[in-house]
């Protein structure tokens, strides 16, 4: 009995770690309260590269969760499988290399989204919509 419970728990944890992630590829992009435009309300405006966790896959719309936990719907045509991250800290340094010893290239605010270029140990290399690049400590971002 213990073996069955442990196996079930392992499978539950393994599948929850495999959440499908997508990102915003076209603007304007909005999360809505229903899987339709007419008769629905916009509950969040999204930035380019905003990462989204897919909760359900419908014919034209995806049910998604944002970095700040908002759940709603977005049209599939506004998304892509590109790996992206969103800053979760109030403010963070984006450095010129993967480490604190590298100078700050620019700063990013909570909610800023970036394309994910690479990962080196606990640092992620990112690219902004304006083509600026740099490195952020991975604990300060959400996405993949």
N, C-alpha and C. Protein backbone atom coordinates (compact mmCIF):
# COMPACT_ATOMS: atom_id res chain seq x y z
N UNK A 1 0.82 -1.19 0.00
CA UNK A 1 0.00 0.00 0.00
C UNK A 1 0.87 1.26 0.00
N UNK A 2 1.92 1.25 0.82
CA UNK A 2 2.83 2.41 0.87
C UNK A 2 3.47 2.64 -0.49
N UNK A 3 3.82 1.54 -1.16
CA UNK A 3 4.46 1.62 -2.46
C UNK A 3 3.54 2.30 -3.48
N UNK A 4 2.26 1.94 -3.44
CA UNK A 4 1.29 2.54 -4.36
C UNK A 4 1.13 4.03 -4.07
N UNK A 5 1.02 4.39 -2.81
CA UNK A 5 0.89 5.80 -2.44
C UNK A 5 2.12 6.61 -2.84
N UNK A 6 3.29 6.06 -2.62
CA UNK A 6 4.53 6.77 -3.00
C UNK A 6 4.63 6.91 -4.50
N UNK A 7 4.25 5.87 -5.24
CA UNK A 7 4.29 5.94 -6.70
C UNK A 7 3.32 7.00 -7.20
N UNK A 8 2.11 7.03 -6.64
CA UNK A 8 1.12 8.03 -7.02
C UNK A 8 1.60 9.44 -6.72
N UNK A 9 2.19 9.63 -5.57
CA UNK A 9 2.71 10.94 -5.19
C UNK A 9 3.83 11.37 -6.13
N UNK A 10 4.70 10.44 -6.48
CA UNK A 10 5.79 10.74 -7.41
C UNK A 10 5.24 11.16 -8.77
N UNK A 11 4.25 10.43 -9.28
CA UNK A 11 3.67 10.77 -10.59
C UNK A 11 2.98 12.13 -10.55
N UNK A 12 2.30 12.42 -9.46
CA UNK A 12 1.65 13.72 -9.32
C UNK A 12 2.67 14.84 -9.34
N UNK A 13 3.74 14.70 -8.59
CA UNK A 13 4.79 15.72 -8.55
C UNK A 13 5.49 15.84 -9.89
N UNK A 14 5.76 14.73 -10.55
CA UNK A 14 6.46 14.75 -11.84
C UNK A 14 5.64 15.45 -12.89
N UNK A 15 4.32 15.19 -12.94
CA UNK A 15 3.51 15.84 -13.96
C UNK A 15 3.30 17.32 -13.67
N UNK A 16 3.26 17.71 -12.39
CA UNK A 16 3.09 19.13 -12.08
C UNK A 16 4.34 19.92 -12.43
N UNK A 17 5.49 19.27 -12.48
CA UNK A 17 6.73 19.94 -12.84
C UNK A 17 6.88 20.10 -14.35
N UNK A 18 6.01 19.44 -15.12
CA UNK A 18 6.12 19.47 -16.57
C UNK A 18 5.10 20.41 -17.20
N UNK A 19 4.72 21.45 -16.51
CA UNK A 19 3.74 22.40 -17.03
C UNK A 19 4.22 22.99 -18.34
N UNK A 20 3.31 23.10 -19.29
CA UNK A 20 3.65 23.71 -20.58
C UNK A 20 3.71 25.21 -20.41
N UNK A 21 4.78 25.81 -20.89
CA UNK A 21 4.96 27.25 -20.82
C UNK A 21 4.96 27.81 -22.25
N UNK A 22 4.32 28.94 -22.41
CA UNK A 22 4.30 29.68 -23.68
C UNK A 22 4.60 31.13 -23.36
N UNK A 23 4.66 31.96 -24.39
CA UNK A 23 4.88 33.39 -24.15
C UNK A 23 4.13 34.22 -25.18
N UNK A 24 3.95 35.49 -24.85
CA UNK A 24 3.28 36.42 -25.74
C UNK A 24 4.21 36.76 -26.90
N UNK A 25 3.68 36.64 -28.13
CA UNK A 25 4.49 36.92 -29.31
C UNK A 25 3.97 38.12 -30.11
N UNK A 26 2.74 38.55 -29.87
CA UNK A 26 2.15 39.66 -30.60
C UNK A 26 1.40 40.59 -29.64
N UNK A 27 1.43 41.87 -29.96
CA UNK A 27 0.72 42.86 -29.17
C UNK A 27 -0.36 43.52 -30.01
N UNK A 28 -1.45 44.00 -29.43
CA UNK A 28 -1.77 43.92 -28.01
C UNK A 28 -2.21 42.51 -27.62
N UNK A 29 -1.88 42.13 -26.41
CA UNK A 29 -2.26 40.81 -25.89
C UNK A 29 -2.94 41.01 -24.54
N UNK A 30 -4.03 40.29 -24.34
CA UNK A 30 -4.82 40.44 -23.13
C UNK A 30 -5.23 39.07 -22.59
N UNK A 31 -5.32 38.98 -21.29
CA UNK A 31 -5.93 37.82 -20.65
C UNK A 31 -7.37 38.22 -20.35
N UNK A 32 -8.31 37.36 -20.76
CA UNK A 32 -9.74 37.65 -20.60
C UNK A 32 -10.38 36.66 -19.63
N UNK A 33 -11.55 37.02 -19.13
CA UNK A 33 -12.23 36.14 -18.18
C UNK A 33 -13.01 35.01 -18.84
N UNK A 34 -13.20 35.08 -20.16
CA UNK A 34 -13.88 34.01 -20.91
C UNK A 34 -13.10 33.77 -22.20
N UNK A 35 -13.29 32.61 -22.78
CA UNK A 35 -12.59 32.24 -24.01
C UNK A 35 -13.31 32.80 -25.24
N UNK A 36 -13.44 34.13 -25.26
CA UNK A 36 -14.09 34.83 -26.37
C UNK A 36 -13.80 36.33 -26.22
N UNK A 37 -13.99 37.07 -27.30
CA UNK A 37 -13.78 38.52 -27.22
C UNK A 37 -15.08 39.21 -26.81
N UNK A 38 -16.15 38.97 -27.58
CA UNK A 38 -17.40 39.65 -27.23
C UNK A 38 -18.03 38.96 -26.03
N UNK A 39 -18.45 39.77 -25.07
CA UNK A 39 -19.04 39.23 -23.86
C UNK A 39 -18.03 38.86 -22.79
N UNK A 40 -16.75 39.18 -23.02
CA UNK A 40 -15.73 38.90 -22.00
C UNK A 40 -15.08 40.19 -21.55
N UNK A 41 -14.41 40.14 -20.41
CA UNK A 41 -13.72 41.30 -19.88
C UNK A 41 -12.21 41.06 -19.88
N UNK A 42 -11.46 42.12 -20.16
CA UNK A 42 -10.01 42.05 -20.07
C UNK A 42 -9.65 42.09 -18.58
N UNK A 43 -8.86 41.09 -18.13
CA UNK A 43 -8.45 41.09 -16.73
C UNK A 43 -6.96 41.43 -16.56
N UNK A 44 -6.22 41.40 -17.67
CA UNK A 44 -4.81 41.81 -17.60
C UNK A 44 -4.28 42.07 -19.01
N UNK A 45 -3.56 43.20 -19.16
CA UNK A 45 -2.82 43.50 -20.39
C UNK A 45 -1.45 42.85 -20.24
N UNK A 46 -0.93 42.28 -21.30
CA UNK A 46 0.36 41.59 -21.25
C UNK A 46 1.40 42.28 -22.11
N UNK A 47 2.66 42.17 -21.67
CA UNK A 47 3.79 42.69 -22.44
C UNK A 47 4.31 41.62 -23.39
N UNK A 48 5.05 42.06 -24.40
CA UNK A 48 5.75 41.13 -25.27
C UNK A 48 6.68 40.29 -24.43
N UNK A 49 6.77 39.02 -24.72
CA UNK A 49 7.59 38.02 -24.03
C UNK A 49 7.03 37.58 -22.68
N UNK A 50 5.85 38.06 -22.27
CA UNK A 50 5.31 37.63 -20.98
C UNK A 50 5.12 36.12 -20.98
N UNK A 51 5.73 35.40 -20.01
CA UNK A 51 5.54 33.94 -19.95
C UNK A 51 4.18 33.59 -19.35
N UNK A 52 3.62 32.49 -19.83
CA UNK A 52 2.32 32.02 -19.37
C UNK A 52 2.37 30.51 -19.18
N UNK A 53 1.76 30.05 -18.11
CA UNK A 53 1.64 28.61 -17.89
C UNK A 53 0.30 28.16 -18.47
N UNK A 54 0.33 27.16 -19.34
CA UNK A 54 -0.90 26.65 -19.96
C UNK A 54 -1.59 25.70 -18.98
N UNK A 55 -2.85 25.99 -18.67
CA UNK A 55 -3.65 25.15 -17.79
C UNK A 55 -4.58 24.24 -18.57
N UNK A 56 -5.13 24.78 -19.68
CA UNK A 56 -6.01 24.01 -20.57
C UNK A 56 -5.80 24.49 -21.99
N UNK A 57 -5.91 23.55 -22.93
CA UNK A 57 -5.72 23.85 -24.35
C UNK A 57 -7.04 23.68 -25.08
N UNK A 58 -7.63 24.80 -25.52
CA UNK A 58 -8.89 24.76 -26.25
C UNK A 58 -8.67 24.92 -27.74
N UNK A 59 -9.76 24.99 -28.50
CA UNK A 59 -9.67 25.08 -29.96
C UNK A 59 -8.98 26.37 -30.41
N UNK A 60 -9.42 27.52 -29.91
CA UNK A 60 -8.86 28.80 -30.31
C UNK A 60 -8.18 29.54 -29.16
N UNK A 61 -8.58 29.20 -27.94
CA UNK A 61 -8.07 29.89 -26.76
C UNK A 61 -7.35 28.92 -25.83
N UNK A 62 -6.42 29.48 -25.06
CA UNK A 62 -5.73 28.73 -24.02
C UNK A 62 -6.12 29.30 -22.67
N UNK A 63 -6.36 28.43 -21.70
CA UNK A 63 -6.54 28.88 -20.33
C UNK A 63 -5.14 28.92 -19.73
N UNK A 64 -4.75 30.09 -19.21
CA UNK A 64 -3.37 30.30 -18.77
C UNK A 64 -3.30 30.92 -17.38
N UNK A 65 -2.12 30.83 -16.78
CA UNK A 65 -1.82 31.52 -15.53
C UNK A 65 -0.62 32.42 -15.77
N UNK A 66 -0.70 33.65 -15.28
CA UNK A 66 0.39 34.62 -15.44
C UNK A 66 1.37 34.51 -14.28
N UNK A 67 2.45 35.24 -14.37
CA UNK A 67 3.48 35.24 -13.31
C UNK A 67 2.92 35.69 -11.97
N UNK A 68 1.91 36.55 -11.98
CA UNK A 68 1.32 37.01 -10.72
C UNK A 68 0.08 36.22 -10.31
N UNK A 69 -0.12 35.05 -10.95
CA UNK A 69 -1.17 34.13 -10.53
C UNK A 69 -2.54 34.37 -11.12
N UNK A 70 -2.68 35.32 -12.03
CA UNK A 70 -3.98 35.58 -12.66
C UNK A 70 -4.28 34.46 -13.65
N UNK A 71 -5.49 33.94 -13.59
CA UNK A 71 -5.93 32.87 -14.48
C UNK A 71 -6.99 33.41 -15.42
N UNK A 72 -6.83 33.14 -16.71
CA UNK A 72 -7.80 33.59 -17.70
C UNK A 72 -7.47 32.97 -19.05
N UNK A 73 -7.97 33.61 -20.11
CA UNK A 73 -7.87 33.04 -21.46
C UNK A 73 -7.15 34.00 -22.40
N UNK A 74 -6.38 33.42 -23.32
CA UNK A 74 -5.70 34.20 -24.35
C UNK A 74 -5.83 33.45 -25.67
N UNK A 75 -6.00 34.21 -26.76
CA UNK A 75 -6.11 33.58 -28.08
C UNK A 75 -4.76 32.98 -28.47
N UNK A 76 -4.80 31.78 -29.02
CA UNK A 76 -3.57 31.06 -29.39
C UNK A 76 -2.70 31.84 -30.36
N UNK A 77 -3.31 32.63 -31.24
CA UNK A 77 -2.54 33.35 -32.27
C UNK A 77 -1.62 34.42 -31.69
N UNK A 78 -1.79 34.75 -30.41
CA UNK A 78 -0.96 35.77 -29.76
C UNK A 78 0.21 35.18 -29.00
N UNK A 79 0.40 33.85 -29.11
CA UNK A 79 1.42 33.17 -28.30
C UNK A 79 2.38 32.37 -29.15
N UNK A 80 3.49 31.99 -28.50
CA UNK A 80 4.52 31.17 -29.14
C UNK A 80 5.16 30.29 -28.07
N UNK A 81 5.94 29.31 -28.51
CA UNK A 81 6.62 28.41 -27.57
C UNK A 81 7.99 28.96 -27.14
N UNK A 82 8.32 30.19 -27.51
CA UNK A 82 9.59 30.80 -27.14
C UNK A 82 9.74 30.84 -25.62
N UNK A 83 10.90 30.49 -25.10
CA UNK A 83 11.16 30.52 -23.66
C UNK A 83 11.39 31.96 -23.20
N UNK A 84 10.64 32.34 -22.16
CA UNK A 84 10.73 33.70 -21.64
C UNK A 84 10.62 33.70 -20.12
N UNK A 85 10.97 34.83 -19.52
CA UNK A 85 10.87 35.01 -18.06
C UNK A 85 10.33 36.40 -17.75
N UNK A 86 9.74 36.52 -16.55
CA UNK A 86 9.25 37.80 -16.04
C UNK A 86 9.90 38.06 -14.70
N UNK A 87 10.30 39.29 -14.47
CA UNK A 87 10.91 39.68 -13.20
C UNK A 87 9.84 39.64 -12.10
N UNK A 88 10.16 38.97 -10.98
CA UNK A 88 9.24 38.88 -9.85
C UNK A 88 9.67 39.77 -8.68
N UNK A 89 10.92 40.20 -8.68
CA UNK A 89 11.41 41.11 -7.63
C UNK A 89 10.96 42.54 -7.96
N UNK A 90 10.88 43.40 -6.96
CA UNK A 90 10.49 44.78 -7.21
C UNK A 90 11.44 45.47 -8.18
N UNK A 91 12.73 45.22 -8.03
CA UNK A 91 13.76 45.79 -8.89
C UNK A 91 14.94 44.85 -8.89
N UNK A 92 15.55 44.65 -10.05
CA UNK A 92 16.74 43.78 -10.07
C UNK A 92 17.78 44.33 -11.04
N UNK A 93 19.02 43.97 -10.77
CA UNK A 93 20.12 44.33 -11.64
C UNK A 93 20.23 43.32 -12.77
N UNK A 94 20.37 43.82 -13.98
CA UNK A 94 20.65 42.97 -15.14
C UNK A 94 22.11 43.21 -15.45
N UNK A 95 22.92 42.17 -15.29
CA UNK A 95 24.37 42.32 -15.37
C UNK A 95 24.92 41.92 -16.74
N UNK A 96 26.13 42.37 -17.01
CA UNK A 96 26.76 42.10 -18.31
C UNK A 96 27.28 40.67 -18.43
N UNK A 97 27.33 39.95 -17.32
CA UNK A 97 27.78 38.56 -17.31
C UNK A 97 27.11 37.80 -16.18
N UNK A 98 27.28 36.47 -16.13
CA UNK A 98 26.60 35.63 -15.14
C UNK A 98 27.29 35.60 -13.78
N UNK A 99 27.22 36.69 -13.05
CA UNK A 99 27.81 36.75 -11.71
C UNK A 99 27.77 38.16 -11.15
N UNK A 100 27.84 38.26 -9.83
CA UNK A 100 27.80 39.58 -9.17
C UNK A 100 29.03 40.41 -9.48
N UNK A 101 30.11 39.76 -9.92
CA UNK A 101 31.33 40.50 -10.22
C UNK A 101 31.24 41.29 -11.53
N UNK A 102 30.19 41.02 -12.33
CA UNK A 102 30.02 41.72 -13.60
C UNK A 102 29.25 43.02 -13.36
N UNK A 103 29.57 44.08 -14.13
CA UNK A 103 28.88 45.35 -13.94
C UNK A 103 27.40 45.27 -14.31
N UNK A 104 26.60 46.16 -13.72
CA UNK A 104 25.18 46.25 -14.04
C UNK A 104 25.03 46.90 -15.41
N UNK A 105 24.36 46.19 -16.32
CA UNK A 105 24.12 46.72 -17.67
C UNK A 105 22.90 47.64 -17.67
N UNK A 106 21.86 47.21 -16.94
CA UNK A 106 20.65 48.01 -16.77
C UNK A 106 19.83 47.39 -15.65
N UNK A 107 18.74 48.05 -15.27
CA UNK A 107 17.88 47.54 -14.19
C UNK A 107 16.53 47.14 -14.79
N UNK A 108 15.88 46.17 -14.14
CA UNK A 108 14.56 45.73 -14.57
C UNK A 108 13.61 45.80 -13.38
N UNK A 109 12.35 46.11 -13.68
CA UNK A 109 11.32 46.23 -12.66
C UNK A 109 10.42 45.00 -12.66
N UNK A 110 9.72 44.82 -11.56
CA UNK A 110 8.75 43.73 -11.44
C UNK A 110 7.78 43.80 -12.61
N UNK A 111 7.59 42.64 -13.25
CA UNK A 111 6.67 42.56 -14.38
C UNK A 111 7.34 42.70 -15.73
N UNK A 112 8.60 43.19 -15.79
CA UNK A 112 9.31 43.26 -17.07
C UNK A 112 9.55 41.84 -17.58
N UNK A 113 9.30 41.64 -18.87
CA UNK A 113 9.45 40.32 -19.47
C UNK A 113 10.58 40.31 -20.49
N UNK A 114 11.24 39.15 -20.58
CA UNK A 114 12.41 39.00 -21.43
C UNK A 114 12.39 37.65 -22.14
N UNK A 115 13.00 37.62 -23.31
CA UNK A 115 13.25 36.35 -23.99
C UNK A 115 14.42 35.69 -23.28
N UNK A 116 14.32 34.39 -23.05
CA UNK A 116 15.38 33.63 -22.39
C UNK A 116 16.35 33.13 -23.45
N UNK A 117 17.63 33.51 -23.31
CA UNK A 117 18.65 33.12 -24.29
C UNK A 117 19.49 31.94 -23.84
N UNK A 118 19.86 31.92 -22.56
CA UNK A 118 20.74 30.86 -22.04
C UNK A 118 20.63 30.80 -20.53
N UNK A 119 21.20 29.74 -19.97
CA UNK A 119 21.27 29.60 -18.52
C UNK A 119 22.65 29.08 -18.16
N UNK A 120 23.25 29.69 -17.16
CA UNK A 120 24.56 29.27 -16.68
C UNK A 120 24.50 29.22 -15.17
N UNK A 121 24.54 28.02 -14.64
CA UNK A 121 24.36 27.78 -13.21
C UNK A 121 23.07 28.44 -12.75
N UNK A 122 23.11 29.39 -11.86
CA UNK A 122 21.89 30.01 -11.34
C UNK A 122 21.59 31.36 -12.01
N UNK A 123 22.18 31.62 -13.15
CA UNK A 123 21.96 32.86 -13.88
C UNK A 123 21.28 32.60 -15.21
N UNK A 124 20.37 33.50 -15.62
CA UNK A 124 19.72 33.39 -16.92
C UNK A 124 20.09 34.59 -17.78
N UNK A 125 20.43 34.31 -19.02
CA UNK A 125 20.73 35.38 -19.96
C UNK A 125 19.43 35.76 -20.66
N UNK A 126 19.14 37.06 -20.72
CA UNK A 126 17.87 37.53 -21.24
C UNK A 126 18.07 38.60 -22.31
N UNK A 127 17.01 38.75 -23.11
CA UNK A 127 16.99 39.79 -24.14
C UNK A 127 15.66 40.53 -24.04
N UNK A 128 15.72 41.84 -23.95
CA UNK A 128 14.52 42.68 -23.86
C UNK A 128 13.95 42.95 -25.25
N UNK A 129 12.73 43.46 -25.29
CA UNK A 129 12.09 43.78 -26.56
C UNK A 129 12.88 44.84 -27.33
N UNK A 130 13.66 45.68 -26.62
CA UNK A 130 14.49 46.70 -27.28
C UNK A 130 15.88 46.17 -27.61
N UNK A 131 16.07 44.85 -27.54
CA UNK A 131 17.31 44.14 -27.90
C UNK A 131 18.44 44.26 -26.88
N UNK A 132 18.21 44.91 -25.73
CA UNK A 132 19.24 44.93 -24.68
C UNK A 132 19.34 43.52 -24.10
N UNK A 133 20.57 43.10 -23.80
CA UNK A 133 20.78 41.77 -23.22
C UNK A 133 21.54 41.88 -21.91
N UNK A 134 21.41 40.84 -21.10
CA UNK A 134 22.13 40.78 -19.84
C UNK A 134 21.78 39.52 -19.08
N UNK A 135 22.25 39.45 -17.84
CA UNK A 135 22.08 38.26 -17.00
C UNK A 135 21.38 38.63 -15.70
N UNK A 136 20.42 37.77 -15.29
CA UNK A 136 19.65 37.96 -14.06
C UNK A 136 19.75 36.69 -13.22
N UNK A 137 19.87 36.85 -11.89
CA UNK A 137 19.86 35.73 -10.95
C UNK A 137 18.49 35.05 -11.09
N UNK A 138 18.47 33.73 -11.30
CA UNK A 138 17.24 33.01 -11.63
C UNK A 138 16.15 33.09 -10.56
N UNK A 139 16.51 33.31 -9.30
CA UNK A 139 15.50 33.41 -8.24
C UNK A 139 14.68 34.69 -8.34
N UNK A 140 15.06 35.61 -9.22
CA UNK A 140 14.36 36.89 -9.38
C UNK A 140 13.40 36.91 -10.55
N UNK A 141 13.22 35.75 -11.22
CA UNK A 141 12.34 35.67 -12.39
C UNK A 141 11.42 34.45 -12.31
N UNK A 142 10.35 34.48 -13.10
CA UNK A 142 9.42 33.36 -13.23
C UNK A 142 9.28 33.03 -14.70
N UNK A 143 9.24 31.77 -15.03
CA UNK A 143 9.10 31.33 -16.42
C UNK A 143 10.15 30.29 -16.72
N UNK A 144 10.36 30.09 -18.02
CA UNK A 144 11.38 29.10 -18.44
C UNK A 144 12.01 29.51 -19.73
